[in-house]
Amino acid sequence: MVGNNSKGALIKEQTQTVYSIKGTTAGDLIANLNDIGLTPDQIVSVLEAMKRAGALNAEIEVR
């Protein structure tokens, strides 16, 4: 199934779910990841992977 959820995110449901998240800041990205139900540890993992891939232009500081 392909369609939009209440937040306007594109969802493709098969064996995996793909979310298209619109965000221009790290704060926007984090808020969107939180909105789709990721835990804080999962959010940090996503940010670290994005940083390693060169897709995140920010410093990651976990407090």
C-alpha atoms as a PDB file:
ATOM      1  CA  MET A   1       0.000   0.000   0.000  1.00  0.00           C
ATOM      2  CA  VAL A   2       1.297   3.439  -0.871  1.00  0.00           C
ATOM      3  CA  GLY A   3      -0.318   6.556   0.541  1.00  0.00           C
ATOM      4  CA  ASN A   4      -0.023   9.428   2.969  1.00  0.00           C
ATOM      5  CA  ASN A   5      -0.517   9.315   6.714  1.00  0.00           C
ATOM      6  CA  SER A   6      -1.911  12.150   8.847  1.00  0.00           C
ATOM      7  CA  LYS A   7       1.505  13.851   8.896  1.00  0.00           C
ATOM      8  CA  GLY A   8       1.795  13.853   5.097  1.00  0.00           C
ATOM      9  CA  ALA A   9       4.561  11.245   5.097  1.00  0.00           C
ATOM     10  CA  LEU A  10       4.723   8.779   2.236  1.00  0.00           C
ATOM     11  CA  ILE A  11       4.352   5.227   3.494  1.00  0.00           C
ATOM     12  CA  LYS A  12       5.137   2.078   1.541  1.00  0.00           C
ATOM     13  CA  GLU A  13       4.160  -1.090   3.360  1.00  0.00           C
ATOM     14  CA  GLN A  14       5.608  -4.417   2.295  1.00  0.00           C
ATOM     15  CA  THR A  15       8.396  -6.090   4.216  1.00  0.00           C
ATOM     16  CA  GLN A  16       9.678  -2.664   5.253  1.00  0.00           C
ATOM     17  CA  THR A  17       8.134   0.730   5.841  1.00  0.00           C
ATOM     18  CA  VAL A  18       9.615   3.736   4.074  1.00  0.00           C
ATOM     19  CA  TYR A  19       8.908   7.228   5.361  1.00  0.00           C
ATOM     20  CA  SER A  20       9.631  10.372   3.415  1.00  0.00           C
ATOM     21  CA  ILE A  21      10.274  12.966   6.117  1.00  0.00           C
ATOM     22  CA  LYS A  22      10.421  16.649   5.318  1.00  0.00           C
ATOM     23  CA  GLY A  23      12.780  18.467   7.648  1.00  0.00           C
ATOM     24  CA  THR A  24      15.327  21.179   7.124  1.00  0.00           C
ATOM     25  CA  THR A  25      16.988  21.119  10.531  1.00  0.00           C
ATOM     26  CA  ALA A  26      18.292  18.395  12.812  1.00  0.00           C
ATOM     27  CA  GLY A  27      15.524  19.404  15.236  1.00  0.00           C
ATOM     28  CA  ASP A  28      12.874  18.881  12.549  1.00  0.00           C
ATOM     29  CA  LEU A  29      14.359  15.492  11.684  1.00  0.00           C
ATOM     30  CA  ILE A  30      14.444  14.401  15.321  1.00  0.00           C
ATOM     31  CA  ALA A  31      10.851  15.545  15.890  1.00  0.00           C
ATOM     32  CA  ASN A  32       9.689  13.603  12.820  1.00  0.00           C
ATOM     33  CA  LEU A  33      11.557  10.462  13.846  1.00  0.00           C
ATOM     34  CA  ASN A  34       9.977  10.747  17.280  1.00  0.00           C
ATOM     35  CA  ASP A  35       6.534  11.238  15.705  1.00  0.00           C
ATOM     36  CA  ILE A  36       6.820   7.946  13.815  1.00  0.00           C
ATOM     37  CA  GLY A  37       7.605   6.128  17.042  1.00  0.00           C
ATOM     38  CA  LEU A  38      11.387   5.727  17.190  1.00  0.00           C
ATOM     39  CA  THR A  39      12.940   5.431  20.640  1.00  0.00           C
ATOM     40  CA  PRO A  40      15.712   7.829  21.681  1.00  0.00           C
ATOM     41  CA  ASP A  41      18.317   5.074  21.097  1.00  0.00           C
ATOM     42  CA  GLN A  42      16.925   4.438  17.619  1.00  0.00           C
ATOM     43  CA  ILE A  43      16.991   8.149  16.805  1.00  0.00           C
ATOM     44  CA  VAL A  44      20.651   8.369  17.855  1.00  0.00           C
ATOM     45  CA  SER A  45      21.430   5.342  15.663  1.00  0.00           C
ATOM     46  CA  VAL A  46      19.731   6.980  12.679  1.00  0.00           C
ATOM     47  CA  LEU A  47      21.620  10.240  13.228  1.00  0.00           C
ATOM     48  CA  GLU A  48      24.956   8.413  13.588  1.00  0.00           C
ATOM     49  CA  ALA A  49      24.327   6.444  10.384  1.00  0.00           C
ATOM     50  CA  MET A  50      23.388   9.628   8.529  1.00  0.00           C
ATOM     51  CA  LYS A  51      26.536  11.329   9.830  1.00  0.00           C
ATOM     52  CA  ARG A  52      28.735   8.407   8.694  1.00  0.00           C
ATOM     53  CA  ALA A  53      27.083   8.512   5.261  1.00  0.00           C
ATOM     54  CA  GLY A  54      27.732  12.234   4.951  1.00  0.00           C
ATOM     55  CA  ALA A  55      24.006  13.005   4.920  1.00  0.00           C
ATOM     56  CA  LEU A  56      23.994  15.002   8.155  1.00  0.00           C
ATOM     57  CA  ASN A  57      25.836  18.274   8.560  1.00  0.00           C
ATOM     58  CA  ALA A  58      25.658  18.522  12.355  1.00  0.00           C
ATOM     59  CA  GLU A  59      27.534  17.502  15.457  1.00  0.00           C
ATOM     60  CA  ILE A  60      25.861  14.790  17.539  1.00  0.00           C
ATOM     61  CA  GLU A  61      25.930  15.357  21.285  1.00  0.00           C
ATOM     62  CA  VAL A  62      24.066  12.914  23.534  1.00  0.00           C
ATOM     63  CA  ARG A  63      23.365  14.080  27.061  1.00  0.00           C
END
